[in-house]
């Protein structure tokens, strides 16, 4: 059995989506310095920093918040699908069979962008028609390996709306560099933020 940690570490160097709060981590107490008996840090970052969950409340006024998401959808069998196209549209999905899965994680060239500290605008994204297709196929959780499923600077947030209106949970910011396409057991546990529109999560894949 092998376990893959597909979570991006949160650090001051972590790229943030433009307009989101930057990550700020500061050691406020240092062991054995100024009489301190322990280390203590302050953390400041947005609800969509690094590897994180998008709850329906992210774009829907009366959508479920992150603390209301069903854990049974965040834990269970998932398929990792590798896409080499510059975007994930309906055509790119035609070669795959999703009928036996409710969770799908897309591995793209995005995963290799985590080697850079600056935000990259030209990432692989999911088009609204692909999102609609996934919903029709019964997919209840979609993951992607960069900071948004949406095209950069998309005006209508069509992909988010297609997925979240259908109750499909979104995981963004995965690091799938070391993961081969195939079936895994997914465990995704976001911070339990009361009324949260999203939250950073620790995400692991287990291969039997």
Protein backbone atom coordinates (compact mmCIF):
# COMPACT_ATOMS: atom_id res chain seq x y z
CA UNK A 1 0.00 0.00 0.00
CA UNK A 2 1.37 3.40 -0.99
CA UNK A 3 0.15 6.78 0.26
CA UNK A 4 0.60 9.93 -1.82
CA UNK A 5 0.37 13.32 -0.14
CA UNK A 6 -1.00 15.53 -2.93
CA UNK A 7 -1.22 18.64 -0.75
CA UNK A 8 0.79 21.76 -1.56
CA UNK A 9 2.69 23.00 1.52
CA UNK A 10 1.52 26.39 2.77
CA UNK A 11 4.43 28.81 3.03
CA UNK A 12 5.25 32.48 2.52
CA UNK A 13 6.53 31.54 -0.94
CA UNK A 14 3.29 29.88 -2.06
CA UNK A 15 1.66 31.52 -5.08
CA UNK A 16 -1.80 32.98 -4.50
CA UNK A 17 -4.55 33.58 -7.03
CA UNK A 18 -4.49 37.29 -7.97
CA UNK A 19 -6.79 39.23 -5.65
CA UNK A 20 -6.64 36.61 -2.89
CA UNK A 21 -4.79 37.35 0.35
CA UNK A 22 -1.13 36.40 0.28
CA UNK A 23 0.17 33.82 2.73
CA UNK A 24 1.79 35.34 5.81
CA UNK A 25 3.41 33.03 8.33
CA UNK A 26 5.40 34.60 11.16
CA UNK A 27 7.09 33.05 14.19
CA UNK A 28 5.86 35.22 17.07
CA UNK A 29 7.66 33.31 19.83
CA UNK A 30 10.96 31.49 19.44
CA UNK A 31 12.09 28.77 21.78
CA UNK A 32 14.95 29.87 24.04
CA UNK A 33 14.80 33.44 22.75
CA UNK A 34 13.68 36.30 25.02
CA UNK A 35 12.72 33.75 27.64
CA UNK A 36 10.19 31.92 25.47
CA UNK A 37 9.55 28.32 26.50
CA UNK A 38 7.92 27.30 23.21
CA UNK A 39 7.59 28.17 19.52
CA UNK A 40 4.42 29.92 18.38
CA UNK A 41 3.45 31.29 14.97
CA UNK A 42 0.73 33.44 13.45
CA UNK A 43 -0.87 32.28 10.19
CA UNK A 44 -2.68 34.53 7.74
CA UNK A 45 -4.02 33.37 4.38
CA UNK A 46 -7.21 33.28 2.34
CA UNK A 47 -9.83 30.56 2.42
CA UNK A 48 -8.65 29.38 -1.01
CA UNK A 49 -4.92 29.15 -0.32
CA UNK A 50 -2.93 26.23 -1.69
CA UNK A 51 -4.76 22.91 -1.75
CA UNK A 52 -8.32 23.77 -0.81
CA UNK A 53 -12.01 23.02 -1.08
CA UNK A 54 -14.54 25.20 -2.89
CA UNK A 55 -17.87 24.84 -1.10
CA UNK A 56 -21.08 25.82 -2.94
CA UNK A 57 -21.23 28.95 -0.76
CA UNK A 58 -18.19 30.19 -2.70
CA UNK A 59 -20.45 31.33 -5.55
CA UNK A 60 -24.01 30.56 -4.37
CA UNK A 61 -25.68 32.78 -1.79
CA UNK A 62 -27.53 29.91 -0.12
CA UNK A 63 -25.04 27.16 -0.91
CA UNK A 64 -23.59 24.73 1.61
CA UNK A 65 -20.64 26.02 3.61
CA UNK A 66 -17.48 24.01 4.04
CA UNK A 67 -18.48 22.72 7.48
CA UNK A 68 -21.71 21.35 6.00
CA UNK A 69 -20.10 19.27 3.25
CA UNK A 70 -20.81 15.52 3.53
CA UNK A 71 -17.67 13.68 4.60
CA UNK A 72 -18.74 10.62 2.63
CA UNK A 73 -18.10 12.61 -0.54
CA UNK A 74 -14.64 13.69 0.62
CA UNK A 75 -13.50 10.16 1.42
CA UNK A 76 -13.72 7.26 -1.00
CA UNK A 77 -12.74 5.87 -4.37
CA UNK A 78 -11.44 8.39 -6.90
CA UNK A 79 -10.00 8.17 -10.39
CA UNK A 80 -6.97 10.20 -11.45
CA UNK A 81 -7.24 11.12 -15.13
CA UNK A 82 -4.34 12.62 -17.06
CA UNK A 83 -5.16 15.31 -19.62
CA UNK A 84 -2.48 16.60 -21.99
CA UNK A 85 -4.68 19.16 -23.77
CA UNK A 86 -4.24 22.89 -22.98
CA UNK A 87 -7.76 22.95 -21.54
CA UNK A 88 -10.26 20.40 -20.30
CA UNK A 89 -13.26 20.70 -22.57
CA UNK A 90 -15.96 18.22 -23.48
CA UNK A 91 -13.95 16.90 -26.41
CA UNK A 92 -10.98 16.11 -24.15
CA UNK A 93 -13.23 14.01 -21.91
CA UNK A 94 -14.73 11.82 -24.64
CA UNK A 95 -12.02 9.13 -24.38
CA UNK A 96 -12.70 8.47 -20.70
CA UNK A 97 -15.37 6.37 -19.02
CA UNK A 98 -16.72 7.98 -15.86
CA UNK A 99 -19.75 5.73 -15.36
CA UNK A 100 -18.32 3.83 -12.37
CA UNK A 101 -16.90 6.85 -10.55
CA UNK A 102 -18.27 9.80 -8.63
CA UNK A 103 -14.90 11.45 -7.89
CA UNK A 104 -12.39 12.48 -10.53
CA UNK A 105 -9.06 14.28 -10.19
CA UNK A 106 -7.44 15.82 -13.25
CA UNK A 107 -3.68 15.59 -13.62
CA UNK A 108 -2.33 18.12 -16.13
CA UNK A 109 0.84 20.07 -16.80
CA UNK A 110 -0.38 22.33 -14.00
CA UNK A 111 1.21 20.08 -11.39
CA UNK A 112 4.64 21.14 -12.58
CA UNK A 113 3.77 24.80 -12.01
CA UNK A 114 4.19 24.19 -8.27
CA UNK A 115 7.93 24.44 -8.85
CA UNK A 116 7.44 28.17 -9.41
CA UNK A 117 6.65 30.71 -6.68
CA UNK A 118 4.85 33.18 -8.92
CA UNK A 119 1.27 32.73 -10.15
CA UNK A 120 1.01 31.47 -13.74
CA UNK A 121 -1.96 32.72 -15.76
CA UNK A 122 -1.74 30.16 -18.57
CA UNK A 123 -2.87 27.09 -16.63
CA UNK A 124 -5.06 24.22 -17.75
CA UNK A 125 -8.68 24.82 -16.74
CA UNK A 126 -12.08 23.17 -17.07
CA UNK A 127 -14.54 24.68 -19.52
CA UNK A 128 -18.22 25.13 -18.56
CA UNK A 129 -19.31 22.57 -21.17
CA UNK A 130 -16.93 20.01 -19.66
CA UNK A 131 -18.29 20.79 -16.20
CA UNK A 132 -21.82 20.26 -17.50
CA UNK A 133 -20.73 16.93 -19.02
CA UNK A 134 -19.20 15.78 -15.71
CA UNK A 135 -22.38 16.66 -13.82
CA UNK A 136 -24.46 14.68 -16.31
CA UNK A 137 -22.09 11.75 -15.85
CA UNK A 138 -22.88 11.80 -12.13
CA UNK A 139 -19.55 13.16 -10.90
CA UNK A 140 -19.91 14.54 -7.36
CA UNK A 141 -16.32 15.69 -6.74
CA UNK A 142 -13.87 17.26 -9.19
CA UNK A 143 -10.24 18.04 -8.43
CA UNK A 144 -7.64 19.93 -10.44
CA UNK A 145 -3.95 20.60 -9.97
CA UNK A 146 -3.86 24.40 -9.86
CA UNK A 147 -5.58 27.23 -8.03
CA UNK A 148 -8.80 27.32 -10.06
CA UNK A 149 -10.98 25.13 -12.23
CA UNK A 150 -11.97 28.33 -14.05
CA UNK A 151 -10.15 30.01 -16.91
CA UNK A 152 -8.07 32.91 -15.65
CA UNK A 153 -10.15 36.11 -15.47
CA UNK A 154 -13.32 34.35 -16.64
CA UNK A 155 -16.18 36.81 -16.24
CA UNK A 156 -19.15 34.56 -15.55
CA UNK A 157 -17.58 31.77 -13.44
CA UNK A 158 -19.49 29.30 -15.59
CA UNK A 159 -17.44 26.27 -14.55
CA UNK A 160 -17.87 26.95 -10.84
CA UNK A 161 -21.59 27.53 -11.31
CA UNK A 162 -22.14 24.35 -13.32
CA UNK A 163 -20.40 22.23 -10.70
CA UNK A 164 -21.47 23.90 -7.47
CA UNK A 165 -25.09 24.39 -8.54
CA UNK A 166 -25.23 20.62 -8.99
CA UNK A 167 -23.72 20.04 -5.55
CA UNK A 168 -20.42 18.84 -7.00
CA UNK A 169 -17.55 19.59 -4.63
CA UNK A 170 -14.40 21.19 -6.07
CA UNK A 171 -10.84 20.55 -4.88
CA UNK A 172 -8.28 23.00 -6.25
CA UNK A 173 -4.52 23.18 -5.84
CA UNK A 174 -3.60 19.50 -5.95
CA UNK A 175 -0.03 18.39 -6.61
CA UNK A 176 -0.26 15.23 -8.72
CA UNK A 177 3.31 15.13 -10.04
CA UNK A 178 4.10 11.80 -8.41
CA UNK A 179 0.72 10.18 -9.07
CA UNK A 180 0.04 7.95 -12.05
CA UNK A 181 -3.42 7.79 -13.65
CA UNK A 182 -5.64 5.17 -12.07
CA UNK A 183 -7.89 4.40 -9.15
CA UNK A 184 -7.12 5.44 -5.58
CA UNK A 185 -8.80 5.97 -2.24
CA UNK A 186 -9.18 9.70 -1.64
CA UNK A 187 -9.08 11.30 1.79
CA UNK A 188 -9.72 15.04 1.80
CA UNK A 189 -10.24 16.84 5.09
CA UNK A 190 -10.68 20.62 4.90
CA UNK A 191 -10.48 22.81 7.96
CA UNK A 192 -13.90 22.86 9.61
CA UNK A 193 -14.59 26.58 9.26
CA UNK A 194 -18.09 27.49 10.38
CA UNK A 195 -19.87 29.20 7.48
CA UNK A 196 -16.75 28.97 5.32
CA UNK A 197 -16.89 29.46 1.55
CA UNK A 198 -13.79 27.30 1.28
CA UNK A 199 -10.88 26.05 3.33
CA UNK A 200 -7.37 24.66 2.96
CA UNK A 201 -7.34 20.85 3.07
CA UNK A 202 -4.93 17.99 3.59
CA UNK A 203 -5.48 15.60 0.70
CA UNK A 204 -3.95 12.14 0.36
CA UNK A 205 -4.41 9.28 -2.09
CA UNK A 206 -3.95 5.68 -1.06
CA UNK A 207 -3.15 3.00 -3.61
CA UNK A 208 -3.79 -0.60 -2.63
